[in-house]
Amino acid sequence: MIPFLQMINDRSNRIGCSYTLCDLPTHYPFVSFVCKYGDPLIQPGVPVYTKGRPCSLCENKCVDGGLCNYLGI
C-alpha cells in the first residue's frame, strides 16, 4: 500500500524504477520490478494530495491537460 501512496502523492518529485528477469535453474522464471521514490515519506493522517481543479497551483506550468511541470521539460 505504501508504494502506491508514494506514487500518487502530490508532493512526490522523483521516482526511479527497474526490472530484471530472474531465471534460476531451481525456480520458474519471474520478473522482479522495483521502484524507489524520493521525498516526502508518507505520514499517517496527512493527505497524499491537495483537493482542487487541475493545475490550480501551477497555472503557467500546466501540461498534458492537468499536470504541473516544474522541470521545464
PDB file of N, CA and C in Angstrom:
ATOM      1  N   MET A   1       0.813  -1.195   0.000  1.00  0.00           N
ATOM      2  CA  MET A   1       0.000   0.000   0.000  1.00  0.00           C
ATOM      3  C   MET A   1       0.860   1.264   0.000  1.00  0.00           C
ATOM      4  N   ILE A   2       1.943   1.278   0.754  1.00  0.00           N
ATOM      5  CA  ILE A   2       2.788   2.468   0.847  1.00  0.00           C
ATOM      6  C   ILE A   2       3.361   2.870  -0.516  1.00  0.00           C
ATOM      7  N   PRO A   3       3.890   1.943  -1.348  1.00  0.00           N
ATOM      8  CA  PRO A   3       4.386   2.379  -2.662  1.00  0.00           C
ATOM      9  C   PRO A   3       3.316   3.075  -3.504  1.00  0.00           C
ATOM     10  N   PHE A   4       2.078   2.584  -3.462  1.00  0.00           N
ATOM     11  CA  PHE A   4       1.003   3.238  -4.214  1.00  0.00           C
ATOM     12  C   PHE A   4       0.771   4.648  -3.689  1.00  0.00           C
ATOM     13  N   LEU A   5       0.764   4.816  -2.379  1.00  0.00           N
ATOM     14  CA  LEU A   5       0.551   6.138  -1.798  1.00  0.00           C
ATOM     15  C   LEU A   5       1.685   7.091  -2.155  1.00  0.00           C
ATOM     16  N   GLN A   6       2.916   6.589  -2.216  1.00  0.00           N
ATOM     17  CA  GLN A   6       4.032   7.440  -2.623  1.00  0.00           C
ATOM     18  C   GLN A   6       3.900   7.834  -4.092  1.00  0.00           C
ATOM     19  N   MET A   7       3.407   6.921  -4.912  1.00  0.00           N
ATOM     20  CA  MET A   7       3.266   7.191  -6.338  1.00  0.00           C
ATOM     21  C   MET A   7       2.229   8.282  -6.600  1.00  0.00           C
ATOM     22  N   ILE A   8       1.123   8.300  -5.843  1.00  0.00           N
ATOM     23  CA  ILE A   8       0.064   9.280  -6.088  1.00  0.00           C
ATOM     24  C   ILE A   8       0.223  10.552  -5.264  1.00  0.00           C
ATOM     25  N   ASN A   9       1.206  10.597  -4.391  1.00  0.00           N
ATOM     26  CA  ASN A   9       1.410  11.754  -3.521  1.00  0.00           C
ATOM     27  C   ASN A   9       1.720  12.993  -4.358  1.00  0.00           C
ATOM     28  N   ASP A  10       0.973  14.075  -4.159  1.00  0.00           N
ATOM     29  CA  ASP A  10       1.188  15.278  -4.968  1.00  0.00           C
ATOM     30  C   ASP A  10       2.494  15.990  -4.640  1.00  0.00           C
ATOM     31  N   ARG A  11       3.167  15.599  -3.592  1.00  0.00           N
ATOM     32  CA  ARG A  11       4.447  16.205  -3.243  1.00  0.00           C
ATOM     33  C   ARG A  11       5.641  15.349  -3.669  1.00  0.00           C
ATOM     34  N   SER A  12       5.387  14.153  -4.189  1.00  0.00           N
ATOM     35  CA  SER A  12       6.489  13.316  -4.679  1.00  0.00           C
ATOM     36  C   SER A  12       7.123  13.989  -5.890  1.00  0.00           C
ATOM     37  N   ASN A  13       8.438  14.036  -5.905  1.00  0.00           N
ATOM     38  CA  ASN A  13       9.102  14.723  -7.007  1.00  0.00           C
ATOM     39  C   ASN A  13      10.106  13.858  -7.758  1.00  0.00           C
ATOM     40  N   ARG A  14      10.304  12.633  -7.330  1.00  0.00           N
ATOM     41  CA  ARG A  14      11.239  11.740  -8.022  1.00  0.00           C
ATOM     42  C   ARG A  14      10.738  10.312  -7.931  1.00  0.00           C
ATOM     43  N   ILE A  15      10.968   9.562  -8.994  1.00  0.00           N
ATOM     44  CA  ILE A  15      10.673   8.134  -8.998  1.00  0.00           C
ATOM     45  C   ILE A  15      11.649   7.470  -9.961  1.00  0.00           C
ATOM     46  N   GLY A  16      12.146   6.329  -9.570  1.00  0.00           N
ATOM     47  CA  GLY A  16      13.020   5.543 -10.432  1.00  0.00           C
ATOM     48  C   GLY A  16      12.623   4.086 -10.329  1.00  0.00           C
ATOM     49  N   CYS A  17      12.505   3.422 -11.459  1.00  0.00           N
ATOM     50  CA  CYS A  17      12.081   2.018 -11.472  1.00  0.00           C
ATOM     51  C   CYS A  17      13.040   1.187 -12.308  1.00  0.00           C
ATOM     52  N   SER A  18      13.105  -0.080 -11.992  1.00  0.00           N
ATOM     53  CA  SER A  18      13.946  -1.010 -12.728  1.00  0.00           C
ATOM     54  C   SER A  18      13.321  -2.394 -12.665  1.00  0.00           C
ATOM     55  N   TYR A  19      13.687  -3.235 -13.621  1.00  0.00           N
ATOM     56  CA  TYR A  19      13.209  -4.613 -13.592  1.00  0.00           C
ATOM     57  C   TYR A  19      14.305  -5.538 -14.100  1.00  0.00           C
ATOM     58  N   THR A  20      14.187  -6.787 -13.732  1.00  0.00           N
ATOM     59  CA  THR A  20      15.112  -7.798 -14.227  1.00  0.00           C
ATOM     60  C   THR A  20      14.384  -9.128 -14.325  1.00  0.00           C
ATOM     61  N   LEU A  21      14.775  -9.934 -15.272  1.00  0.00           N
ATOM     62  CA  LEU A  21      14.229 -11.279 -15.413  1.00  0.00           C
ATOM     63  C   LEU A  21      15.095 -12.219 -14.590  1.00  0.00           C
ATOM     64  N   CYS A  22      14.484 -12.900 -13.650  1.00  0.00           N
ATOM     65  CA  CYS A  22      15.192 -13.862 -12.803  1.00  0.00           C
ATOM     66  C   CYS A  22      14.879 -15.259 -13.329  1.00  0.00           C
ATOM     67  N   ASP A  23      15.885 -15.919 -13.826  1.00  0.00           N
ATOM     68  CA  ASP A  23      15.705 -17.241 -14.429  1.00  0.00           C
ATOM     69  C   ASP A  23      16.671 -18.214 -13.751  1.00  0.00           C
ATOM     70  N   LEU A  24      16.272 -18.672 -12.580  1.00  0.00           N
ATOM     71  CA  LEU A  24      17.116 -19.575 -11.803  1.00  0.00           C
ATOM     72  C   LEU A  24      16.807 -21.023 -12.170  1.00  0.00           C
ATOM     73  N   PRO A  25      17.799 -21.884 -12.204  1.00  0.00           N
ATOM     74  CA  PRO A  25      17.559 -23.279 -12.583  1.00  0.00           C
ATOM     75  C   PRO A  25      16.611 -24.018 -11.632  1.00  0.00           C
ATOM     76  N   THR A  26      16.501 -23.559 -10.397  1.00  0.00           N
ATOM     77  CA  THR A  26      15.666 -24.254  -9.414  1.00  0.00           C
ATOM     78  C   THR A  26      14.262 -23.668  -9.287  1.00  0.00           C
ATOM     79  N   HIS A  27      13.938 -22.609 -10.043  1.00  0.00           N
ATOM     80  CA  HIS A  27      12.637 -21.947  -9.955  1.00  0.00           C
ATOM     81  C   HIS A  27      12.101 -21.638 -11.349  1.00  0.00           C
ATOM     82  N   TYR A  28      10.822 -21.348 -11.403  1.00  0.00           N
ATOM     83  CA  TYR A  28      10.249 -20.834 -12.644  1.00  0.00           C
ATOM     84  C   TYR A  28      10.772 -19.418 -12.869  1.00  0.00           C
ATOM     85  N   PRO A  29      10.944 -19.003 -14.114  1.00  0.00           N
ATOM     86  CA  PRO A  29      11.371 -17.626 -14.375  1.00  0.00           C
ATOM     87  C   PRO A  29      10.337 -16.624 -13.850  1.00  0.00           C
ATOM     88  N   PHE A  30      10.808 -15.514 -13.358  1.00  0.00           N
ATOM     89  CA  PHE A  30       9.911 -14.454 -12.901  1.00  0.00           C
ATOM     90  C   PHE A  30      10.588 -13.103 -13.106  1.00  0.00           C
ATOM     91  N   VAL A  31       9.779 -12.056 -13.107  1.00  0.00           N
ATOM     92  CA  VAL A  31      10.288 -10.698 -13.265  1.00  0.00           C
ATOM     93  C   VAL A  31      10.233 -10.000 -11.912  1.00  0.00           C
ATOM     94  N   SER A  32      11.325  -9.387 -11.534  1.00  0.00           N
ATOM     95  CA  SER A  32      11.379  -8.581 -10.317  1.00  0.00           C
ATOM     96  C   SER A  32      11.345  -7.111 -10.735  1.00  0.00           C
ATOM     97  N   PHE A  33      10.362  -6.372 -10.226  1.00  0.00           N
ATOM     98  CA  PHE A  33      10.157  -4.966 -10.580  1.00  0.00           C
ATOM     99  C   PHE A  33      10.208  -4.141  -9.299  1.00  0.00           C
ATOM    100  N   VAL A  34      11.081  -3.148  -9.253  1.00  0.00           N
ATOM    101  CA  VAL A  34      11.288  -2.358  -8.041  1.00  0.00           C
ATOM    102  C   VAL A  34      11.269  -0.870  -8.388  1.00  0.00           C
ATOM    103  N   CYS A  35      10.609  -0.083  -7.538  1.00  0.00           N
ATOM    104  CA  CYS A  35      10.616   1.374  -7.696  1.00  0.00           C
ATOM    105  C   CYS A  35      11.115   2.025  -6.415  1.00  0.00           C
ATOM    106  N   LYS A  36      11.842   3.098  -6.569  1.00  0.00           N
ATOM    107  CA  LYS A  36      12.342   3.894  -5.445  1.00  0.00           C
ATOM    108  C   LYS A  36      11.776   5.301  -5.600  1.00  0.00           C
ATOM    109  N   TYR A  37      11.224   5.830  -4.521  1.00  0.00           N
ATOM    110  CA  TYR A  37      10.586   7.139  -4.545  1.00  0.00           C
ATOM    111  C   TYR A  37      11.395   8.126  -3.728  1.00  0.00           C
ATOM    112  N   GLY A  38      11.416   9.381  -4.185  1.00  0.00           N
ATOM    113  CA  GLY A  38      12.057  10.444  -3.422  1.00  0.00           C
ATOM    114  C   GLY A  38      11.139  10.927  -2.311  1.00  0.00           C
ATOM    115  N   ASP A  39      11.580  11.967  -1.637  1.00  0.00           N
ATOM    116  CA  ASP A  39      10.768  12.549  -0.564  1.00  0.00           C
ATOM    117  C   ASP A  39       9.471  13.083  -1.140  1.00  0.00           C
ATOM    118  N   PRO A  40       8.460  13.225  -0.375  1.00  0.00           N
ATOM    119  CA  PRO A  40       8.375  13.006   1.058  1.00  0.00           C
ATOM    120  C   PRO A  40       7.931  11.592   1.386  1.00  0.00           C
ATOM    121  N   LEU A  41       8.209  11.192   2.590  1.00  0.00           N
ATOM    122  CA  LEU A  41       7.707   9.912   3.070  1.00  0.00           C
ATOM    123  C   LEU A  41       6.240  10.060   3.447  1.00  0.00           C
ATOM    124  N   ILE A  42       5.498   8.986   3.309  1.00  0.00           N
ATOM    125  CA  ILE A  42       4.079   9.000   3.664  1.00  0.00           C
ATOM    126  C   ILE A  42       3.950   9.062   5.184  1.00  0.00           C
ATOM    127  N   GLN A  43       3.083   9.943   5.660  1.00  0.00           N
ATOM    128  CA  GLN A  43       2.861  10.089   7.091  1.00  0.00           C
ATOM    129  C   GLN A  43       1.390   9.845   7.395  1.00  0.00           C
ATOM    130  N   PRO A  44       1.094   9.021   8.397  1.00  0.00           N
ATOM    131  CA  PRO A  44      -0.302   8.763   8.762  1.00  0.00           C
ATOM    132  C   PRO A  44      -1.042  10.057   9.084  1.00  0.00           C
ATOM    133  N   GLY A  45      -2.256  10.177   8.575  1.00  0.00           N
ATOM    134  CA  GLY A  45      -3.087  11.339   8.848  1.00  0.00           C
ATOM    135  C   GLY A  45      -2.841  12.540   7.954  1.00  0.00           C
ATOM    136  N   VAL A  46      -1.803  12.484   7.104  1.00  0.00           N
ATOM    137  CA  VAL A  46      -1.505  13.589   6.191  1.00  0.00           C
ATOM    138  C   VAL A  46      -2.030  13.220   4.806  1.00  0.00           C
ATOM    139  N   PRO A  47      -2.904  14.037   4.214  1.00  0.00           N
ATOM    140  CA  PRO A  47      -3.446  13.712   2.886  1.00  0.00           C
ATOM    141  C   PRO A  47      -2.328  13.578   1.850  1.00  0.00           C
ATOM    142  N   VAL A  48      -2.520  12.706   0.859  1.00  0.00           N
ATOM    143  CA  VAL A  48      -1.500  12.494  -0.171  1.00  0.00           C
ATOM    144  C   VAL A  48      -1.683  13.415  -1.370  1.00  0.00           C
ATOM    145  N   TYR A  49      -2.764  14.178  -1.411  1.00  0.00           N
ATOM    146  CA  TYR A  49      -2.953  15.141  -2.490  1.00  0.00           C
ATOM    147  C   TYR A  49      -3.797  16.306  -1.994  1.00  0.00           C
ATOM    148  N   THR A  50      -3.740  17.394  -2.747  1.00  0.00           N
ATOM    149  CA  THR A  50      -4.497  18.594  -2.429  1.00  0.00           C
ATOM    150  C   THR A  50      -5.737  18.648  -3.307  1.00  0.00           C
ATOM    151  N   LYS A  51      -6.900  18.848  -2.701  1.00  0.00           N
ATOM    152  CA  LYS A  51      -8.131  18.944  -3.474  1.00  0.00           C
ATOM    153  C   LYS A  51      -8.159  20.264  -4.236  1.00  0.00           C
ATOM    154  N   GLY A  52      -8.678  20.204  -5.455  1.00  0.00           N
ATOM    155  CA  GLY A  52      -8.802  21.409  -6.268  1.00  0.00           C
ATOM    156  C   GLY A  52      -8.817  21.056  -7.738  1.00  0.00           C
ATOM    157  N   ARG A  53      -9.009  22.058  -8.576  1.00  0.00           N
ATOM    158  CA  ARG A  53      -9.021  21.793 -10.010  1.00  0.00           C
ATOM    159  C   ARG A  53      -7.586  21.571 -10.487  1.00  0.00           C
ATOM    160  N   PRO A  54      -7.404  20.798 -11.568  1.00  0.00           N
ATOM    161  CA  PRO A  54      -6.063  20.516 -12.078  1.00  0.00           C
ATOM    162  C   PRO A  54      -5.273  21.798 -12.356  1.00  0.00           C
ATOM    163  N   CYS A  55      -4.040  21.808 -11.978  1.00  0.00           N
ATOM    164  CA  CYS A  55      -3.090  22.900 -12.216  1.00  0.00           C
ATOM    165  C   CYS A  55      -3.439  24.194 -11.494  1.00  0.00           C
ATOM    166  N   SER A  56      -4.286  24.152 -10.493  1.00  0.00           N
ATOM    167  CA  SER A  56      -4.647  25.381  -9.788  1.00  0.00           C
ATOM    168  C   SER A  56      -3.465  25.963  -9.006  1.00  0.00           C
ATOM    169  N   LEU A  57      -2.437  25.170  -8.756  1.00  0.00           N
ATOM    170  CA  LEU A  57      -1.255  25.663  -8.040  1.00  0.00           C
ATOM    171  C   LEU A  57      -0.075  25.953  -8.965  1.00  0.00           C
ATOM    172  N   CYS A  58      -0.270  25.761 -10.275  1.00  0.00           N
ATOM    173  CA  CYS A  58       0.831  25.976 -11.226  1.00  0.00           C
ATOM    174  C   CYS A  58       0.285  26.458 -12.564  1.00  0.00           C
ATOM    175  N   GLU A  59      -0.525  27.486 -12.557  1.00  0.00           N
ATOM    176  CA  GLU A  59      -1.234  27.965 -13.752  1.00  0.00           C
ATOM    177  C   GLU A  59      -0.341  28.072 -14.987  1.00  0.00           C
ATOM    178  N   ASN A  60       0.877  28.566 -14.858  1.00  0.00           N
ATOM    179  CA  ASN A  60       1.749  28.791 -16.015  1.00  0.00           C
ATOM    180  C   ASN A  60       2.619  27.591 -16.363  1.00  0.00           C
ATOM    181  N   LYS A  61       2.504  26.522 -15.611  1.00  0.00           N
ATOM    182  CA  LYS A  61       3.341  25.347 -15.856  1.00  0.00           C
ATOM    183  C   LYS A  61       2.495  24.102 -16.071  1.00  0.00           C
ATOM    184  N   CYS A  62       1.279  24.281 -16.550  1.00  0.00           N
ATOM    185  CA  CYS A  62       0.346  23.171 -16.732  1.00  0.00           C
ATOM    186  C   CYS A  62       0.579  22.501 -18.087  1.00  0.00           C
ATOM    187  N   VAL A  63       0.733  21.186 -18.091  1.00  0.00           N
ATOM    188  CA  VAL A  63       0.941  20.427 -19.328  1.00  0.00           C
ATOM    189  C   VAL A  63       0.014  19.222 -19.358  1.00  0.00           C
ATOM    190  N   ASP A  64      -0.175  18.685 -20.528  1.00  0.00           N
ATOM    191  CA  ASP A  64      -0.937  17.444 -20.720  1.00  0.00           C
ATOM    192  C   ASP A  64      -2.327  17.490 -20.102  1.00  0.00           C
ATOM    193  N   GLY A  65      -2.959  18.643 -20.103  1.00  0.00           N
ATOM    194  CA  GLY A  65      -4.334  18.748 -19.645  1.00  0.00           C
ATOM    195  C   GLY A  65      -4.540  18.650 -18.147  1.00  0.00           C
ATOM    196  N   GLY A  66      -3.497  18.825 -17.357  1.00  0.00           N
ATOM    197  CA  GLY A  66      -3.738  18.818 -15.921  1.00  0.00           C
ATOM    198  C   GLY A  66      -2.584  18.386 -15.047  1.00  0.00           C
ATOM    199  N   LEU A  67      -1.354  18.397 -15.563  1.00  0.00           N
ATOM    200  CA  LEU A  67      -0.192  18.033 -14.756  1.00  0.00           C
ATOM    201  C   LEU A  67       0.732  19.232 -14.621  1.00  0.00           C
ATOM    202  N   CYS A  68       1.251  19.463 -13.424  1.00  0.00           N
ATOM    203  CA  CYS A  68       2.196  20.553 -13.208  1.00  0.00           C
ATOM    204  C   CYS A  68       3.590  20.107 -13.628  1.00  0.00           C
ATOM    205  N   ASN A  69       4.242  20.912 -14.467  1.00  0.00           N
ATOM    206  CA  ASN A  69       5.592  20.608 -14.920  1.00  0.00           C
ATOM    207  C   ASN A  69       6.550  21.611 -14.286  1.00  0.00           C
ATOM    208  N   TYR A  70       7.249  21.184 -13.249  1.00  0.00           N
ATOM    209  CA  TYR A  70       8.187  22.055 -12.556  1.00  0.00           C
ATOM    210  C   TYR A  70       9.606  21.936 -13.106  1.00  0.00           C
ATOM    211  N   LEU A  71       9.833  21.009 -14.039  1.00  0.00           N
ATOM    212  CA  LEU A  71      11.172  20.785 -14.569  1.00  0.00           C
ATOM    213  C   LEU A  71      11.435  21.547 -15.857  1.00  0.00           C
ATOM    214  N   GLY A  72      10.405  22.058 -16.499  1.00  0.00           N
ATOM    215  CA  GLY A  72      10.580  22.773 -17.756  1.00  0.00           C
ATOM    216  C   GLY A  72      10.887  21.864 -18.927  1.00  0.00           C
ATOM    217  N   ILE A  73      10.503  20.615 -18.820  1.00  0.00           N
ATOM    218  CA  ILE A  73      10.764  19.644 -19.895  1.00  0.00           C
ATOM    219  C   ILE A  73       9.633  19.685 -20.895  1.00  0.00           C
TER     220      ILE A  73
END
